Amino acid sequence: MATKKRIEELLEELTNITKELESEDISLEDSIKKYQQAVELYKKAQKQLKESELKIEEIKGSLEDD
């Protein structure tokens, strides 16, 4: 089973892909592959952020119940 990457790792990978895409030395085919990778990383990062927001809301809710 693959380990879940931390949000910081996902963002670092996105930054690296952005730099590669900005390079003039990348082919169109490679650009499309990198773009597709970036979209998948973005989706994973968004999912983690939403999960974190839900956890924070749960914690805040438990404080209000006490």
C-alpha atoms as a PDB file:
ATOM      1  CA  MET A   1       0.000   0.000   0.000  1.00  0.00           C
ATOM      2  CA  ALA A   2       1.384   3.412  -0.949  1.00  0.00           C
ATOM      3  CA  THR A   3       1.922   5.853   1.866  1.00  0.00           C
ATOM      4  CA  LYS A   4      -0.046   9.054   1.849  1.00  0.00           C
ATOM      5  CA  LYS A   5       2.098  12.055   0.983  1.00  0.00           C
ATOM      6  CA  ARG A   6       2.028  15.063   3.237  1.00  0.00           C
ATOM      7  CA  ILE A   7       0.528  18.249   1.859  1.00  0.00           C
ATOM      8  CA  GLU A   8       3.978  19.852   1.919  1.00  0.00           C
ATOM      9  CA  GLU A   9       5.342  17.105  -0.322  1.00  0.00           C
ATOM     10  CA  LEU A  10       2.469  17.487  -2.748  1.00  0.00           C
ATOM     11  CA  LEU A  11       3.001  21.240  -2.944  1.00  0.00           C
ATOM     12  CA  GLU A  12       6.719  20.785  -3.487  1.00  0.00           C
ATOM     13  CA  GLU A  13       6.032  18.386  -6.354  1.00  0.00           C
ATOM     14  CA  LEU A  14       3.572  20.861  -7.860  1.00  0.00           C
ATOM     15  CA  THR A  15       6.188  23.595  -7.633  1.00  0.00           C
ATOM     16  CA  ASN A  16       8.752  21.401  -9.364  1.00  0.00           C
ATOM     17  CA  ILE A  17       6.318  20.521 -12.153  1.00  0.00           C
ATOM     18  CA  THR A  18       5.521  24.206 -12.620  1.00  0.00           C
ATOM     19  CA  LYS A  19       9.211  24.964 -13.048  1.00  0.00           C
ATOM     20  CA  GLU A  20       9.541  22.152 -15.573  1.00  0.00           C
ATOM     21  CA  LEU A  21       6.533  23.410 -17.520  1.00  0.00           C
ATOM     22  CA  GLU A  22       8.003  26.901 -17.623  1.00  0.00           C
ATOM     23  CA  SER A  23      11.184  25.507 -19.132  1.00  0.00           C
ATOM     24  CA  GLU A  24      11.682  26.075 -22.839  1.00  0.00           C
ATOM     25  CA  ASP A  25      13.323  22.666 -23.162  1.00  0.00           C
ATOM     26  CA  ILE A  26      10.194  20.566 -22.609  1.00  0.00           C
ATOM     27  CA  SER A  27       8.320  18.959 -25.466  1.00  0.00           C
ATOM     28  CA  LEU A  28       4.583  19.270 -25.964  1.00  0.00           C
ATOM     29  CA  GLU A  29       4.089  15.598 -25.134  1.00  0.00           C
ATOM     30  CA  ASP A  30       6.078  15.918 -21.907  1.00  0.00           C
ATOM     31  CA  SER A  31       4.201  19.113 -21.064  1.00  0.00           C
ATOM     32  CA  ILE A  32       0.895  17.280 -21.328  1.00  0.00           C
ATOM     33  CA  LYS A  33       2.158  14.452 -19.101  1.00  0.00           C
ATOM     34  CA  LYS A  34       3.440  16.917 -16.524  1.00  0.00           C
ATOM     35  CA  TYR A  35       0.172  18.837 -16.617  1.00  0.00           C
ATOM     36  CA  GLN A  36      -1.740  15.616 -16.009  1.00  0.00           C
ATOM     37  CA  GLN A  37       0.538  14.814 -13.050  1.00  0.00           C
ATOM     38  CA  ALA A  38      -0.041  18.299 -11.668  1.00  0.00           C
ATOM     39  CA  VAL A  39      -3.819  17.904 -11.880  1.00  0.00           C
ATOM     40  CA  GLU A  40      -3.640  14.627  -9.936  1.00  0.00           C
ATOM     41  CA  LEU A  41      -1.387  16.173  -7.287  1.00  0.00           C
ATOM     42  CA  TYR A  42      -3.756  19.137  -7.019  1.00  0.00           C
ATOM     43  CA  LYS A  43      -6.705  16.810  -6.458  1.00  0.00           C
ATOM     44  CA  LYS A  44      -4.828  14.960  -3.718  1.00  0.00           C
ATOM     45  CA  ALA A  45      -3.832  18.222  -2.031  1.00  0.00           C
ATOM     46  CA  GLN A  46      -7.407  19.530  -2.189  1.00  0.00           C
ATOM     47  CA  LYS A  47      -8.709  16.292  -0.652  1.00  0.00           C
ATOM     48  CA  GLN A  48      -6.223  16.548   2.213  1.00  0.00           C
ATOM     49  CA  LEU A  49      -7.119  20.174   2.836  1.00  0.00           C
ATOM     50  CA  LYS A  50     -10.823  19.334   2.946  1.00  0.00           C
ATOM     51  CA  GLU A  51     -10.151  16.460   5.347  1.00  0.00           C
ATOM     52  CA  SER A  52      -8.129  18.792   7.558  1.00  0.00           C
ATOM     53  CA  GLU A  53     -10.903  21.377   7.532  1.00  0.00           C
ATOM     54  CA  LEU A  54     -13.409  18.715   8.594  1.00  0.00           C
ATOM     55  CA  LYS A  55     -11.159  17.611  11.465  1.00  0.00           C
ATOM     56  CA  ILE A  56     -10.787  21.195  12.639  1.00  0.00           C
ATOM     57  CA  GLU A  57     -14.551  21.683  12.528  1.00  0.00           C
ATOM     58  CA  GLU A  58     -15.021  18.475  14.548  1.00  0.00           C
ATOM     59  CA  ILE A  59     -12.556  19.688  17.154  1.00  0.00           C
ATOM     60  CA  LYS A  60     -14.232  23.083  17.340  1.00  0.00           C
ATOM     61  CA  GLY A  61     -17.613  21.362  17.644  1.00  0.00           C
ATOM     62  CA  SER A  62     -16.386  19.197  20.516  1.00  0.00           C
ATOM     63  CA  LEU A  63     -15.222  22.342  22.337  1.00  0.00           C
ATOM     64  CA  GLU A  64     -18.647  23.896  21.974  1.00  0.00           C
ATOM     65  CA  ASP A  65     -20.348  20.741  23.330  1.00  0.00           C
ATOM     66  CA  ASP A  66     -18.397  20.907  26.603  1.00  0.00           C
END
